[in-house]
Protein backbone atom coordinates (compact mmCIF):
# COMPACT_ATOMS: atom_id res chain seq x y z
CA MET A 1 197.16 -12.83 174.06
CA ASN A 2 195.96 -9.32 173.29
CA SER A 3 192.79 -9.67 171.15
CA ARG A 4 193.76 -6.62 169.11
CA LEU A 5 197.15 -8.07 168.05
CA PRO A 6 195.87 -9.79 164.82
CA ILE A 7 194.22 -6.53 163.75
CA VAL A 8 197.43 -4.58 164.31
CA LEU A 9 199.52 -7.14 162.42
CA CYS A 10 197.05 -7.19 159.53
CA GLY A 11 197.08 -3.38 159.32
CA ALA A 12 200.89 -3.32 159.36
CA LEU A 13 201.14 -5.89 156.56
CA THR A 14 198.68 -3.94 154.43
CA LEU A 15 200.75 -0.77 154.78
CA ILE A 16 203.99 -2.55 153.85
CA LEU A 17 202.44 -3.95 150.67
CA ALA A 18 200.65 -0.74 149.71
CA CYS A 19 203.45 1.80 149.85
CA THR A 20 207.18 2.21 150.24
CA THR A 21 206.95 4.66 153.14
CA PRO A 22 204.59 3.33 155.82
CA THR A 23 202.15 5.85 157.23
CA ALA A 24 199.42 5.61 159.81
CA PRO A 25 196.27 4.00 158.34
CA ALA A 26 193.55 6.49 157.48
CA PRO A 27 190.27 5.91 159.34
CA THR A 28 187.45 4.37 157.33
CA PRO A 29 184.25 6.39 157.74
CA GLU A 30 182.05 3.29 157.72
CA VAL A 31 183.84 1.55 160.61
CA ARG A 32 185.00 3.28 163.75
CA GLY A 33 186.52 0.22 165.41
CA PRO A 34 186.09 -3.44 166.31
CA ARG A 35 183.35 -4.46 168.70
CA PRO A 36 184.15 -6.23 171.98
CA PRO A 37 184.89 -9.98 171.70
CA GLY A 38 181.76 -12.11 171.66
CA SER A 39 179.40 -9.39 170.44
CA GLY A 40 179.39 -10.79 166.89
CA LEU A 41 179.46 -7.26 165.47
CA LEU A 42 182.57 -5.87 163.79
CA PHE A 43 181.33 -2.32 163.39
CA ASP A 44 180.10 0.69 165.31
CA GLU A 45 178.12 1.81 162.30
CA ALA A 46 177.44 0.34 158.85
CA LYS A 47 176.13 2.44 155.99
CA LEU A 48 174.38 1.52 152.79
CA THR A 49 174.86 4.37 150.34
CA ALA A 50 173.23 5.46 147.10
CA PRO A 51 175.31 6.15 143.95
CA SER A 52 175.23 9.84 144.91
CA GLY A 53 177.07 8.98 148.13
CA GLU A 54 174.09 9.79 150.34
CA THR A 55 173.23 7.36 153.12
CA ALA A 56 170.22 5.20 152.25
CA MET A 57 170.20 3.11 155.44
CA GLU A 58 172.48 2.81 158.44
CA PHE A 59 173.04 0.52 161.42
CA VAL A 60 174.39 2.24 164.53
CA VAL A 61 175.55 0.29 167.59
CA LYS A 62 174.23 2.09 170.67
CA GLU A 63 175.65 -0.38 173.19
CA ASP A 64 177.57 -3.64 172.88
CA ASP A 65 174.36 -5.57 172.16
CA ILE A 66 171.88 -2.91 170.97
CA VAL A 67 171.77 -1.83 167.31
CA THR A 68 169.46 0.77 165.76
CA LEU A 69 168.49 0.91 162.08
CA TYR A 70 167.94 4.28 160.42
CA ARG A 71 166.83 5.16 156.92
CA ASP A 72 167.72 8.21 154.84
CA GLY A 73 167.05 11.45 156.65
CA GLY A 74 167.80 9.92 160.04
CA GLU A 75 164.38 8.29 160.50
CA ARG A 76 164.65 5.47 163.02
CA ILE A 77 163.17 2.17 161.82
CA ALA A 78 163.80 -0.27 164.68
CA SER A 79 166.18 -1.26 167.43
CA TYR A 80 167.62 -4.75 167.92
CA THR A 81 168.89 -6.36 171.09
CA VAL A 82 171.41 -9.02 170.10
CA ALA A 83 171.76 -12.19 172.17
CA LYS A 84 173.39 -15.57 171.58
CA ASP A 85 170.45 -17.25 169.85
CA ARG A 86 167.88 -14.47 169.62
CA ILE A 87 167.64 -10.91 168.33
CA VAL A 88 164.73 -8.99 169.85
CA ILE A 89 163.14 -6.33 167.63
CA SER A 90 161.71 -3.13 169.13
CA THR A 91 159.73 -0.40 167.42
CA VAL A 92 160.65 3.27 167.54
CA ARG A 93 158.52 3.59 170.68
CA GLY A 94 160.49 0.87 172.45
CA VAL A 95 157.71 -1.73 172.23
CA THR A 96 158.84 -5.28 171.44
CA ASN A 97 157.65 -6.11 167.95
CA GLY A 98 159.09 -9.60 167.59
CA ALA A 99 162.31 -11.54 167.43
CA ILE A 100 164.44 -13.55 165.07
CA VAL A 101 165.58 -16.87 166.52
CA ARG A 102 168.54 -19.03 165.57
CA GLY A 103 167.30 -22.59 164.98
CA PRO A 104 169.21 -25.75 164.06
CA ASP A 105 168.62 -25.31 160.32
CA ALA A 106 166.96 -21.90 159.85
CA PHE A 107 166.58 -18.39 161.23
CA THR A 108 162.94 -17.65 162.05
CA LEU A 109 161.42 -14.20 162.50
CA THR A 110 158.19 -14.05 164.51
CA THR A 111 155.96 -11.13 165.44
CA SER A 112 154.77 -10.59 168.99
CA ASN A 113 151.16 -9.55 168.39
CA PRO A 114 149.88 -11.83 167.09
CA GLN A 115 152.65 -14.35 167.61
CA THR A 116 153.15 -15.47 164.02
CA THR A 117 156.10 -16.76 162.03
CA THR A 118 156.56 -14.24 159.23
CA ILE A 119 160.00 -14.83 157.71
CA GLU A 120 162.28 -17.85 157.57
CA LEU A 121 165.83 -17.95 156.20
CA SER A 122 167.33 -21.36 155.39
CA ARG A 123 170.20 -22.73 153.32
CA GLU A 124 169.79 -25.25 150.51
CA PRO A 125 172.20 -28.19 150.02
CA ASP A 126 173.77 -26.40 147.02
CA GLY A 127 174.62 -23.34 149.14
CA ASP A 128 171.78 -21.14 147.94
CA LEU A 129 169.74 -19.26 150.53
CA ARG A 130 165.94 -19.45 150.61
CA ILE A 131 163.58 -16.94 152.21
CA ASP A 132 159.96 -17.86 152.93
CA ARG A 133 157.04 -15.91 154.34
CA ALA A 134 154.42 -17.96 156.20
CA GLY A 135 155.63 -21.11 154.41
CA GLU A 136 155.57 -19.61 150.92
CA ARG A 137 158.77 -19.06 148.98
CA LEU A 138 159.67 -15.41 148.50
CA PHE A 139 163.28 -15.28 147.30
CA ASP A 140 166.30 -17.38 146.46
CA LEU A 141 169.76 -15.94 146.97
CA LYS A 142 171.74 -17.98 144.49
CA HIS A 143 175.38 -18.34 145.46
CA ARG A 144 177.83 -17.28 142.77
CA ASP A 145 181.60 -16.73 142.59
CA TYR A 146 181.02 -12.96 142.76
CA GLY A 147 178.45 -13.08 145.58
CA TYR A 148 174.71 -13.65 145.17
CA LYS A 149 172.11 -13.45 142.43
CA VAL A 150 168.68 -12.59 143.84
CA VAL A 151 165.58 -14.10 142.21
CA ASP A 152 161.94 -14.27 143.24
CA ALA A 153 159.81 -17.39 143.67
CA ARG A 154 159.24 -17.57 139.90
CA GLY A 155 162.95 -17.31 139.16
CA VAL A 156 162.74 -13.71 137.91
CA ASP A 157 166.08 -11.90 138.22
CA LEU A 158 165.89 -9.09 140.79
CA GLY A 159 169.55 -8.13 140.93
CA ARG A 160 173.03 -9.07 142.06
CA VAL A 161 175.15 -8.44 145.13
CA ARG A 162 178.79 -8.42 144.14
CA THR A 163 181.92 -8.37 146.30
CA GLY A 164 184.62 -5.93 145.16
CA SER A 165 188.10 -5.11 146.38
CA THR A 166 186.95 -2.28 148.66
CA SER A 167 183.17 -2.56 148.86
CA ILE A 168 180.08 -4.61 148.15
CA LYS A 169 177.93 -3.28 145.31
CA ILE A 170 174.26 -3.99 144.66
CA ARG A 171 173.08 -3.96 141.04
CA ASP A 172 169.50 -4.12 139.82
CA GLN A 173 168.23 -6.46 137.11
CA ASN A 174 169.63 -4.06 134.50
CA ARG A 175 173.13 -4.29 136.06
CA VAL A 176 172.94 -0.70 137.29
CA ILE A 177 174.60 -0.02 140.65
CA VAL A 178 171.89 1.12 143.08
CA ARG A 179 173.55 0.68 146.49
CA GLU A 180 177.02 0.15 147.97
CA THR A 181 178.57 -0.52 151.36
CA LYS A 182 182.09 -0.57 152.75
CA ALA A 183 180.97 -2.03 156.06
CA PRO A 184 182.68 -5.23 157.30
CA ILE A 185 179.68 -7.49 156.72
CA SER A 186 179.26 -10.46 154.40
CA THR A 187 177.79 -10.44 150.91
CA ALA A 188 174.96 -12.67 152.19
CA ALA A 189 174.12 -10.13 154.90
CA VAL A 190 174.05 -7.31 152.35
CA ALA A 191 171.81 -9.38 150.06
CA CYS A 192 169.32 -9.70 152.93
CA TRP A 193 169.55 -5.97 153.66
CA VAL A 194 168.37 -4.96 150.18
CA LEU A 195 165.62 -7.53 149.59
CA PRO A 196 162.52 -5.92 148.05
CA HIS A 197 158.97 -6.35 149.38
CA LEU A 198 160.13 -6.82 152.98
CA GLU A 199 159.48 -4.42 155.80
CA LEU A 200 162.69 -2.53 156.54
CA TYR A 201 162.81 -3.90 160.09
CA GLU A 202 162.48 -7.45 158.70
CA ALA A 203 165.35 -6.99 156.26
CA GLY A 204 167.37 -5.40 159.05
CA ALA A 205 166.75 -8.37 161.36
CA LEU A 206 167.87 -10.85 158.68
CA THR A 207 170.99 -8.76 158.02
CA LEU A 208 171.99 -8.72 161.68
CA ALA A 209 171.24 -12.42 162.10
CA VAL A 210 173.59 -13.35 159.24
CA THR A 211 176.20 -10.88 160.51
CA VAL A 212 176.18 -12.22 164.08
CA TRP A 213 175.50 -15.93 163.50
CA GLY A 214 176.76 -16.59 159.97
CA LEU A 215 174.62 -18.74 157.67
CA PRO A 216 172.16 -21.44 158.75
CA ASP A 217 173.53 -24.98 158.77
């Protein structure tokens, strides 16, 4: 069966429901097309935008398994080589900086020099996500009907990541929208992308891990 058939059928159904005179679907600027089967990535680029509409951060797929993270202004943060159970992180100079590994019950990010476990993402029995650094709790992503509530180790509210009809919006602790994305990634992945007090390459690695592998068991 043609792997693109479900996408075509879904697009056709959307047009029938949306209007009386079907027209060709307009391209979405955040997504240029589906990735090849097995890559785990459903985008060619994914943007996180500010309320002004300007790009705050952006993932760009260079090849089927290589993704580069940029921040505002086009500054390159890191590149990621995506494999089945490992995502290798490279600096802007192409030097391997570490990797995030898919384990049986957690995703673990380690640095190469020195080889140290820095970040661990795991899932609690109640569905919440927990993020530790060197064994110490950093954040809890508390699962809610709307998405995730982000709190620190003391339980202080840091913000919310909410799924909408056309986008995922990030609100700060005052409920003010600070970021938004229309990329085809999960609310959990977006919550990882905007975590404070992480290096941008660390947050990017967690985001890709959740996007490619789903959530830890």
